[in-house]
C-alpha atoms as a PDB file:
ATOM      1  CA  UNK A   1      72.552 107.256  73.574  1.00  0.00           C
ATOM      2  CA  UNK A   2      73.630 109.120  76.624  1.00  0.00           C
ATOM      3  CA  UNK A   3      73.219 113.005  76.516  1.00  0.00           C
ATOM      4  CA  UNK A   4      76.108 115.592  76.126  1.00  0.00           C
ATOM      5  CA  UNK A   5      74.849 116.617  79.492  1.00  0.00           C
ATOM      6  CA  UNK A   6      75.319 113.090  81.088  1.00  0.00           C
ATOM      7  CA  UNK A   7      78.558 112.689  79.790  1.00  0.00           C
ATOM      8  CA  UNK A   8      79.724 115.886  81.060  1.00  0.00           C
ATOM      9  CA  UNK A   9      78.356 115.440  84.489  1.00  0.00           C
ATOM     10  CA  UNK A  10      79.975 112.051  84.443  1.00  0.00           C
ATOM     11  CA  UNK A  11      83.683 113.071  83.166  1.00  0.00           C
ATOM     12  CA  UNK A  12      85.439 111.500  85.940  1.00  0.00           C
ATOM     13  CA  UNK A  13      83.856 108.064  85.763  1.00  0.00           C
ATOM     14  CA  UNK A  14      84.750 107.923  82.089  1.00  0.00           C
ATOM     15  CA  UNK A  15      88.528 108.367  82.875  1.00  0.00           C
ATOM     16  CA  UNK A  16      88.007 105.581  86.135  1.00  0.00           C
ATOM     17  CA  UNK A  17      86.500 103.409  83.162  1.00  0.00           C
ATOM     18  CA  UNK A  18      89.786 103.551  81.408  1.00  0.00           C
ATOM     19  CA  UNK A  19      91.306 101.590  84.872  1.00  0.00           C
ATOM     20  CA  UNK A  20      88.507  99.473  84.939  1.00  0.00           C
ATOM     21  CA  UNK A  21      88.917  98.137  81.107  1.00  0.00           C
ATOM     22  CA  UNK A  22      92.082  97.265  82.335  1.00  0.00           C
ATOM     23  CA  UNK A  23      90.970  94.996  84.870  1.00  0.00           C
ATOM     24  CA  UNK A  24      88.344  93.534  82.213  1.00  0.00           C
ATOM     25  CA  UNK A  25      90.926  91.480  80.669  1.00  0.00           C
ATOM     26  CA  UNK A  26      90.817  88.988  83.783  1.00  0.00           C
ATOM     27  CA  UNK A  27      87.919  87.476  81.767  1.00  0.00           C
ATOM     28  CA  UNK A  28      90.081  86.602  79.377  1.00  0.00           C
ATOM     29  CA  UNK A  29      93.123  85.679  81.430  1.00  0.00           C
ATOM     30  CA  UNK A  30      90.596  83.029  83.124  1.00  0.00           C
ATOM     31  CA  UNK A  31      89.188  81.957  80.034  1.00  0.00           C
ATOM     32  CA  UNK A  32      92.421  81.027  78.725  1.00  0.00           C
ATOM     33  CA  UNK A  33      93.224  79.135  81.916  1.00  0.00           C
ATOM     34  CA  UNK A  34      90.112  77.051  81.896  1.00  0.00           C
ATOM     35  CA  UNK A  35      89.871  76.936  77.843  1.00  0.00           C
ATOM     36  CA  UNK A  36      86.275  78.705  77.880  1.00  0.00           C
ATOM     37  CA  UNK A  37      84.830  75.409  79.390  1.00  0.00           C
ATOM     38  CA  UNK A  38      86.112  73.598  82.104  1.00  0.00           C
ATOM     39  CA  UNK A  39      83.562  70.770  81.574  1.00  0.00           C
ATOM     40  CA  UNK A  40      85.647  69.796  78.012  1.00  0.00           C
ATOM     41  CA  UNK A  41      89.105  70.144  79.423  1.00  0.00           C
ATOM     42  CA  UNK A  42      89.899  66.227  79.240  1.00  0.00           C
ATOM     43  CA  UNK A  43      88.567  66.072  75.688  1.00  0.00           C
ATOM     44  CA  UNK A  44      91.107  65.813  73.251  1.00  0.00           C
ATOM     45  CA  UNK A  45      91.896  64.352  70.062  1.00  0.00           C
ATOM     46  CA  UNK A  46      93.652  61.071  71.192  1.00  0.00           C
ATOM     47  CA  UNK A  47      91.796  58.113  71.510  1.00  0.00           C
ATOM     48  CA  UNK A  48      93.213  56.898  74.830  1.00  0.00           C
ATOM     49  CA  UNK A  49      93.611  58.878  77.953  1.00  0.00           C
ATOM     50  CA  UNK A  50      95.931  58.384  80.746  1.00  0.00           C
ATOM     51  CA  UNK A  51      94.649  57.964  84.227  1.00  0.00           C
ATOM     52  CA  UNK A  52      96.562  60.650  86.379  1.00  0.00           C
ATOM     53  CA  UNK A  53      98.532  59.908  88.911  1.00  0.00           C
ATOM     54  CA  UNK A  54      97.631  60.103  92.441  1.00  0.00           C
ATOM     55  CA  UNK A  55      94.438  61.761  91.638  1.00  0.00           C
ATOM     56  CA  UNK A  56      93.395  61.290  95.232  1.00  0.00           C
ATOM     57  CA  UNK A  57      95.737  64.058  96.766  1.00  0.00           C
ATOM     58  CA  UNK A  58      94.118  66.185  94.221  1.00  0.00           C
ATOM     59  CA  UNK A  59      90.287  65.939  95.458  1.00  0.00           C
ATOM     60  CA  UNK A  60      91.600  66.034  99.053  1.00  0.00           C
ATOM     61  CA  UNK A  61      93.510  69.228  98.204  1.00  0.00           C
ATOM     62  CA  UNK A  62      90.512  70.542  96.888  1.00  0.00           C
ATOM     63  CA  UNK A  63      88.190  69.365 100.136  1.00  0.00           C
ATOM     64  CA  UNK A  64      90.587  71.290 102.289  1.00  0.00           C
ATOM     65  CA  UNK A  65      90.802  74.517 100.304  1.00  0.00           C
ATOM     66  CA  UNK A  66      86.725  74.687 100.055  1.00  0.00           C
ATOM     67  CA  UNK A  67      86.558  75.823 103.477  1.00  0.00           C
ATOM     68  CA  UNK A  68      88.497  78.852 102.669  1.00  0.00           C
ATOM     69  CA  UNK A  69      85.318  80.012 100.815  1.00  0.00           C
ATOM     70  CA  UNK A  70      83.881  81.021 104.495  1.00  0.00           C
ATOM     71  CA  UNK A  71      86.926  81.922 106.449  1.00  0.00           C
ATOM     72  CA  UNK A  72      87.516  85.157 108.005  1.00  0.00           C
ATOM     73  CA  UNK A  73      91.192  86.499 106.753  1.00  0.00           C
ATOM     74  CA  UNK A  74      93.052  89.276 105.517  1.00  0.00           C
ATOM     75  CA  UNK A  75      95.850  88.996 103.220  1.00  0.00           C
ATOM     76  CA  UNK A  76      98.304  90.456 100.820  1.00  0.00           C
ATOM     77  CA  UNK A  77      99.718  89.500  97.391  1.00  0.00           C
ATOM     78  CA  UNK A  78     102.262  89.889  95.298  1.00  0.00           C
ATOM     79  CA  UNK A  79     100.729  89.162  91.680  1.00  0.00           C
ATOM     80  CA  UNK A  80     102.781  88.476  88.300  1.00  0.00           C
ATOM     81  CA  UNK A  81     100.939  87.793  85.332  1.00  0.00           C
ATOM     82  CA  UNK A  82     103.249  87.581  82.396  1.00  0.00           C
ATOM     83  CA  UNK A  83     102.638  88.057  78.774  1.00  0.00           C
ATOM     84  CA  UNK A  84      99.180  90.064  79.848  1.00  0.00           C
ATOM     85  CA  UNK A  85      98.506  93.679  79.905  1.00  0.00           C
ATOM     86  CA  UNK A  86      98.170  93.472  83.580  1.00  0.00           C
ATOM     87  CA  UNK A  87     101.225  94.841  85.077  1.00  0.00           C
ATOM     88  CA  UNK A  88     102.820  93.455  88.444  1.00  0.00           C
ATOM     89  CA  UNK A  89     100.754  94.593  91.407  1.00  0.00           C
ATOM     90  CA  UNK A  90      99.800  93.916  95.173  1.00  0.00           C
ATOM     91  CA  UNK A  91      96.504  92.293  95.637  1.00  0.00           C
ATOM     92  CA  UNK A  92      94.885  92.909  99.042  1.00  0.00           C
ATOM     93  CA  UNK A  93      91.898  90.210  99.622  1.00  0.00           C
ATOM     94  CA  UNK A  94      89.704  90.517 103.099  1.00  0.00           C
ATOM     95  CA  UNK A  95      86.780  88.490 104.207  1.00  0.00           C
ATOM     96  CA  UNK A  96      84.507  88.142 107.059  1.00  0.00           C
ATOM     97  CA  UNK A  97      80.610  86.889 106.654  1.00  0.00           C
ATOM     98  CA  UNK A  98      79.343  88.757 104.066  1.00  0.00           C
ATOM     99  CA  UNK A  99      81.975  91.447 103.983  1.00  0.00           C
ATOM    100  CA  UNK A 100      84.402  91.103 100.981  1.00  0.00           C
ATOM    101  CA  UNK A 101      87.458  93.406 100.350  1.00  0.00           C
ATOM    102  CA  UNK A 102      89.321  93.012  96.711  1.00  0.00           C
ATOM    103  CA  UNK A 103      91.791  95.584  95.860  1.00  0.00           C
ATOM    104  CA  UNK A 104      94.406  95.414  93.271  1.00  0.00           C
ATOM    105  CA  UNK A 105      97.253  98.576  93.795  1.00  0.00           C
ATOM    106  CA  UNK A 106      99.467  99.064  90.682  1.00  0.00           C
ATOM    107  CA  UNK A 107     103.142 100.724  90.717  1.00  0.00           C
ATOM    108  CA  UNK A 108     103.471 104.428  90.853  1.00  0.00           C
ATOM    109  CA  UNK A 109     102.538 104.334  86.645  1.00  0.00           C
ATOM    110  CA  UNK A 110      99.791 101.590  86.721  1.00  0.00           C
ATOM    111  CA  UNK A 111      96.060 101.617  87.309  1.00  0.00           C
ATOM    112  CA  UNK A 112      94.438 100.464  90.602  1.00  0.00           C
ATOM    113  CA  UNK A 113      91.402  98.910  91.237  1.00  0.00           C
ATOM    114  CA  UNK A 114      89.096  97.880  94.413  1.00  0.00           C
ATOM    115  CA  UNK A 115      85.692  96.378  95.593  1.00  0.00           C
ATOM    116  CA  UNK A 116      84.483  96.864  99.030  1.00  0.00           C
ATOM    117  CA  UNK A 117      81.397  94.952  99.738  1.00  0.00           C
ATOM    118  CA  UNK A 118      79.757  95.480 103.149  1.00  0.00           C
ATOM    119  CA  UNK A 119      77.016  92.905 102.309  1.00  0.00           C
ATOM    120  CA  UNK A 120      74.576  95.380 101.741  1.00  0.00           C
ATOM    121  CA  UNK A 121      76.031  97.170  99.038  1.00  0.00           C
ATOM    122  CA  UNK A 122      79.116  97.511  97.099  1.00  0.00           C
ATOM    123  CA  UNK A 123      81.733 100.473  96.378  1.00  0.00           C
ATOM    124  CA  UNK A 124      84.156 100.429  93.159  1.00  0.00           C
ATOM    125  CA  UNK A 125      87.072 102.452  93.560  1.00  0.00           C
ATOM    126  CA  UNK A 126      89.900 103.155  90.672  1.00  0.00           C
ATOM    127  CA  UNK A 127      92.647 105.524  90.005  1.00  0.00           C
ATOM    128  CA  UNK A 128      94.723 105.886  86.950  1.00  0.00           C
ATOM    129  CA  UNK A 129      97.973 105.694  88.589  1.00  0.00           C
ATOM    130  CA  UNK A 130     100.140 105.677  91.818  1.00  0.00           C
ATOM    131  CA  UNK A 131     100.003 109.662  91.803  1.00  0.00           C
ATOM    132  CA  UNK A 132      96.331 110.507  91.001  1.00  0.00           C
ATOM    133  CA  UNK A 133      93.678 109.992  93.679  1.00  0.00           C
ATOM    134  CA  UNK A 134      91.653 107.408  94.080  1.00  0.00           C
ATOM    135  CA  UNK A 135      87.477 107.962  92.621  1.00  0.00           C
ATOM    136  CA  UNK A 136      85.074 105.725  94.380  1.00  0.00           C
ATOM    137  CA  UNK A 137      81.532 104.837  93.825  1.00  0.00           C
ATOM    138  CA  UNK A 138      78.428 103.464  95.243  1.00  0.00           C
ATOM    139  CA  UNK A 139      77.421 100.538  92.878  1.00  0.00           C
ATOM    140  CA  UNK A 140      75.024  97.832  92.639  1.00  0.00           C
ATOM    141  CA  UNK A 141      75.584  93.990  92.259  1.00  0.00           C
ATOM    142  CA  UNK A 142      77.929  91.430  93.731  1.00  0.00           C
ATOM    143  CA  UNK A 143      81.694  92.276  94.006  1.00  0.00           C
ATOM    144  CA  UNK A 144      82.068  88.946  93.871  1.00  0.00           C
ATOM    145  CA  UNK A 145      81.423  89.116  89.981  1.00  0.00           C
ATOM    146  CA  UNK A 146      83.288  92.524  89.626  1.00  0.00           C
ATOM    147  CA  UNK A 147      85.799  92.635  87.056  1.00  0.00           C
ATOM    148  CA  UNK A 148      88.741  92.379  89.597  1.00  0.00           C
ATOM    149  CA  UNK A 149      92.221  91.552  87.967  1.00  0.00           C
ATOM    150  CA  UNK A 150      92.265  88.446  90.926  1.00  0.00           C
ATOM    151  CA  UNK A 151      89.802  88.088  93.682  1.00  0.00           C
ATOM    152  CA  UNK A 152      89.094  84.980  96.402  1.00  0.00           C
ATOM    153  CA  UNK A 153      86.501  83.600  93.871  1.00  0.00           C
ATOM    154  CA  UNK A 154      89.074  84.127  91.202  1.00  0.00           C
ATOM    155  CA  UNK A 155      91.961  82.183  92.544  1.00  0.00           C
ATOM    156  CA  UNK A 156      89.403  79.353  94.068  1.00  0.00           C
ATOM    157  CA  UNK A 157      88.238  78.927  90.153  1.00  0.00           C
ATOM    158  CA  UNK A 158      92.065  78.822  89.102  1.00  0.00           C
ATOM    159  CA  UNK A 159      92.884  75.615  91.714  1.00  0.00           C
ATOM    160  CA  UNK A 160      89.734  73.761  90.337  1.00  0.00           C
ATOM    161  CA  UNK A 161      90.709  73.920  87.007  1.00  0.00           C
ATOM    162  CA  UNK A 162      93.002  70.588  87.245  1.00  0.00           C
ATOM    163  CA  UNK A 163      89.633  68.817  88.160  1.00  0.00           C
ATOM    164  CA  UNK A 164      88.213  68.639  84.911  1.00  0.00           C
ATOM    165  CA  UNK A 165      91.866  67.856  83.548  1.00  0.00           C
ATOM    166  CA  UNK A 166      93.356  65.553  86.573  1.00  0.00           C
ATOM    167  CA  UNK A 167      93.768  62.496  83.970  1.00  0.00           C
ATOM    168  CA  UNK A 168      96.981  64.378  82.537  1.00  0.00           C
ATOM    169  CA  UNK A 169      98.585  65.136  85.533  1.00  0.00           C
ATOM    170  CA  UNK A 170     100.808  63.365  88.301  1.00  0.00           C
ATOM    171  CA  UNK A 171      99.876  64.849  91.726  1.00  0.00           C
ATOM    172  CA  UNK A 172     101.876  65.138  95.123  1.00  0.00           C
ATOM    173  CA  UNK A 173     101.247  67.092  98.517  1.00  0.00           C
ATOM    174  CA  UNK A 174     103.929  68.546 100.659  1.00  0.00           C
ATOM    175  CA  UNK A 175     103.942  71.093 103.625  1.00  0.00           C
ATOM    176  CA  UNK A 176     105.597  74.415 102.991  1.00  0.00           C
ATOM    177  CA  UNK A 177     105.478  77.972 104.819  1.00  0.00           C
ATOM    178  CA  UNK A 178     103.836  81.044 103.147  1.00  0.00           C
ATOM    179  CA  UNK A 179     103.594  84.643 104.687  1.00  0.00           C
ATOM    180  CA  UNK A 180     105.022  83.121 108.176  1.00  0.00           C
ATOM    181  CA  UNK A 181     101.701  80.287 107.704  1.00  0.00           C
ATOM    182  CA  UNK A 182     101.772  77.018 107.864  1.00  0.00           C
ATOM    183  CA  UNK A 183     100.342  75.486 104.585  1.00  0.00           C
ATOM    184  CA  UNK A 184      99.584  72.353 102.876  1.00  0.00           C
ATOM    185  CA  UNK A 185     100.314  72.311  99.083  1.00  0.00           C
ATOM    186  CA  UNK A 186      99.640  70.311  95.936  1.00  0.00           C
ATOM    187  CA  UNK A 187     102.086  70.211  93.209  1.00  0.00           C
ATOM    188  CA  UNK A 188     100.932  68.953  89.470  1.00  0.00           C
ATOM    189  CA  UNK A 189     103.412  67.545  86.671  1.00  0.00           C
ATOM    190  CA  UNK A 190     101.740  67.288  83.365  1.00  0.00           C
ATOM    191  CA  UNK A 191     102.299  63.973  81.945  1.00  0.00           C
ATOM    192  CA  UNK A 192     104.339  63.122  78.600  1.00  0.00           C
ATOM    193  CA  UNK A 193     101.191  62.323  77.130  1.00  0.00           C
ATOM    194  CA  UNK A 194      99.455  65.785  77.605  1.00  0.00           C
ATOM    195  CA  UNK A 195      98.075  67.315  74.161  1.00  0.00           C
ATOM    196  CA  UNK A 196      99.906  70.688  73.274  1.00  0.00           C
ATOM    197  CA  UNK A 197      96.487  72.647  73.135  1.00  0.00           C
ATOM    198  CA  UNK A 198      96.051  71.529  76.960  1.00  0.00           C
ATOM    199  CA  UNK A 199      99.734  71.947  77.656  1.00  0.00           C
ATOM    200  CA  UNK A 200      99.763  75.685  76.432  1.00  0.00           C
ATOM    201  CA  UNK A 201      96.028  76.066  78.105  1.00  0.00           C
ATOM    202  CA  UNK A 202      96.865  74.883  81.529  1.00  0.00           C
ATOM    203  CA  UNK A 203     100.800  74.610  81.837  1.00  0.00           C
ATOM    204  CA  UNK A 204     103.144  71.868  82.523  1.00  0.00           C
ATOM    205  CA  UNK A 205     103.359  72.198  86.449  1.00  0.00           C
ATOM    206  CA  UNK A 206     101.472  74.035  89.064  1.00  0.00           C
ATOM    207  CA  UNK A 207     101.892  74.691  93.002  1.00  0.00           C
ATOM    208  CA  UNK A 208      99.097  75.680  95.063  1.00  0.00           C
ATOM    209  CA  UNK A 209      99.529  75.887  98.795  1.00  0.00           C
ATOM    210  CA  UNK A 210      96.599  77.078 101.109  1.00  0.00           C
ATOM    211  CA  UNK A 211      96.324  77.743 104.859  1.00  0.00           C
ATOM    212  CA  UNK A 212      94.999  75.482 107.715  1.00  0.00           C
ATOM    213  CA  UNK A 213      91.853  77.792 107.112  1.00  0.00           C
ATOM    214  CA  UNK A 214      91.843  76.721 103.151  1.00  0.00           C
ATOM    215  CA  UNK A 215      92.836  80.466 102.237  1.00  0.00           C
ATOM    216  CA  UNK A 216      94.715  80.266  98.720  1.00  0.00           C
ATOM    217  CA  UNK A 217      98.438  81.768  99.504  1.00  0.00           C
ATOM    218  CA  UNK A 218     100.699  80.611  96.472  1.00  0.00           C
ATOM    219  CA  UNK A 219      99.197  79.467  93.189  1.00  0.00           C
ATOM    220  CA  UNK A 220     102.231  78.940  90.522  1.00  0.00           C
ATOM    221  CA  UNK A 221     101.318  77.763  87.046  1.00  0.00           C
ATOM    222  CA  UNK A 222     103.833  77.821  84.695  1.00  0.00           C
ATOM    223  CA  UNK A 223     105.332  76.540  81.501  1.00  0.00           C
ATOM    224  CA  UNK A 224     101.468  77.729  79.405  1.00  0.00           C
ATOM    225  CA  UNK A 225     100.621  80.717  77.197  1.00  0.00           C
ATOM    226  CA  UNK A 226      99.466  82.242  80.844  1.00  0.00           C
ATOM    227  CA  UNK A 227     101.423  81.672  83.782  1.00  0.00           C
ATOM    228  CA  UNK A 228     100.372  83.016  86.821  1.00  0.00           C
ATOM    229  CA  UNK A 229     102.250  83.582  90.139  1.00  0.00           C
ATOM    230  CA  UNK A 230     100.352  84.878  93.038  1.00  0.00           C
ATOM    231  CA  UNK A 231     102.039  85.008  96.485  1.00  0.00           C
ATOM    232  CA  UNK A 232     101.270  85.924  99.746  1.00  0.00           C
ATOM    233  CA  UNK A 233     103.448  88.235 101.777  1.00  0.00           C
ATOM    234  CA  UNK A 234     101.236  88.669 104.360  1.00  0.00           C
ATOM    235  CA  UNK A 235      98.169  86.895 106.096  1.00  0.00           C
ATOM    236  CA  UNK A 236      96.341  86.886 109.023  1.00  0.00           C
ATOM    237  CA  UNK A 237      92.867  85.419 110.606  1.00  0.00           C
ATOM    238  CA  UNK A 238      91.335  88.366 111.924  1.00  0.00           C
ATOM    239  CA  UNK A 239      90.047  91.774 110.446  1.00  0.00           C
ATOM    240  CA  UNK A 240      89.546  95.265 111.142  1.00  0.00           C
ATOM    241  CA  UNK A 241      87.239  98.339 109.872  1.00  0.00           C
ATOM    242  CA  UNK A 242      90.286  99.201 107.722  1.00  0.00           C
ATOM    243  CA  UNK A 243      90.297  96.189 105.910  1.00  0.00           C
ATOM    244  CA  UNK A 244      86.942  97.173 104.651  1.00  0.00           C
ATOM    245  CA  UNK A 245      86.991 100.845 104.179  1.00  0.00           C
ATOM    246  CA  UNK A 246      86.911 102.543 100.628  1.00  0.00           C
ATOM    247  CA  UNK A 247      90.277 104.417 100.157  1.00  0.00           C
ATOM    248  CA  UNK A 248      88.234 107.801  99.374  1.00  0.00           C
ATOM    249  CA  UNK A 249      84.747 109.355  99.816  1.00  0.00           C
ATOM    250  CA  UNK A 250      82.157 106.979  98.379  1.00  0.00           C
ATOM    251  CA  UNK A 251      80.259 109.281  95.593  1.00  0.00           C
ATOM    252  CA  UNK A 252      76.955 108.012  94.001  1.00  0.00           C
ATOM    253  CA  UNK A 253      77.457 105.787  90.887  1.00  0.00           C
ATOM    254  CA  UNK A 254      75.017 105.609  87.979  1.00  0.00           C
ATOM    255  CA  UNK A 255      72.437 103.090  88.700  1.00  0.00           C
ATOM    256  CA  UNK A 256      72.239  99.577  87.491  1.00  0.00           C
ATOM    257  CA  UNK A 257      76.044  99.599  87.062  1.00  0.00           C
ATOM    258  CA  UNK A 258      78.520  97.470  88.989  1.00  0.00           C
ATOM    259  CA  UNK A 259      81.823  99.364  88.018  1.00  0.00           C
ATOM    260  CA  UNK A 260      82.347 103.501  88.092  1.00  0.00           C
ATOM    261  CA  UNK A 261      81.733 104.113  84.427  1.00  0.00           C
ATOM    262  CA  UNK A 262      78.918 105.072  82.371  1.00  0.00           C
ATOM    263  CA  UNK A 263      76.311 102.397  81.560  1.00  0.00           C
ATOM    264  CA  UNK A 264      77.261 102.323  77.907  1.00  0.00           C
ATOM    265  CA  UNK A 265      80.685 101.287  78.604  1.00  0.00           C
ATOM    266  CA  UNK A 266      79.679  98.485  80.713  1.00  0.00           C
ATOM    267  CA  UNK A 267      78.363  95.416  79.330  1.00  0.00           C
ATOM    268  CA  UNK A 268      74.770  94.579  80.365  1.00  0.00           C
ATOM    269  CA  UNK A 269      74.669  98.352  81.589  1.00  0.00           C
ATOM    270  CA  UNK A 270      71.212 100.224  80.862  1.00  0.00           C
ATOM    271  CA  UNK A 271      71.828 103.739  78.764  1.00  0.00           C
ATOM    272  CA  UNK A 272      70.182 106.835  80.303  1.00  0.00           C
ATOM    273  CA  UNK A 273      68.163 109.105  78.012  1.00  0.00           C
END
């Protein structure tokens, strides 16, 4: 158990943990989208399975999108996740080489969280609502694995959920403009044979759009238990130092912890005597 002295010394980190607890529900969101195991997404109780329509469009789209994993960019998105405890917010992402930034800014009464990875260390920040001050802590670990509501890695994982379920969709492609950028879009429509449990998990329609760099600028999933709408409002292919700067002075965090909370409140954390 952590001593009372330790608890008093880290009271502010405990308050920040309440913000992070909201963010942790992202794992449940992504699990709901994938059914917990994407490898079984095409398994059903039925004895026959359709072949899917124009699945080549999906494969080509995912190949284009893969380039976004190493693209240099900064973008701002609006985020809507109806049916979850996660409020509407503004998602800010930036990437250059090993540097990463993921920041979800909630409304005036909602929490905000952010992770800033320089490639040699990560800073985690949180605030309880729009009127509170940001609290930032040095941490250990990889920000790509941090429990932010949505980060770039999760956007790619959501796109990739259609791969194992491709047999149950009809795909088409188009071009569109999102946040002033030319994009390639993939639309997916569920076939009538899709089982109800899969429809609830994946929805019956989806539209994904990526910039020429492969960066996802639109994710729109509808018809299931976990609809998602992530839309870029700003996008650029250059970055500056401000894109990776934490919003408050950085304090030392407890050792071995990726988020600003006492280790006992973080799965896998090591308690201090």
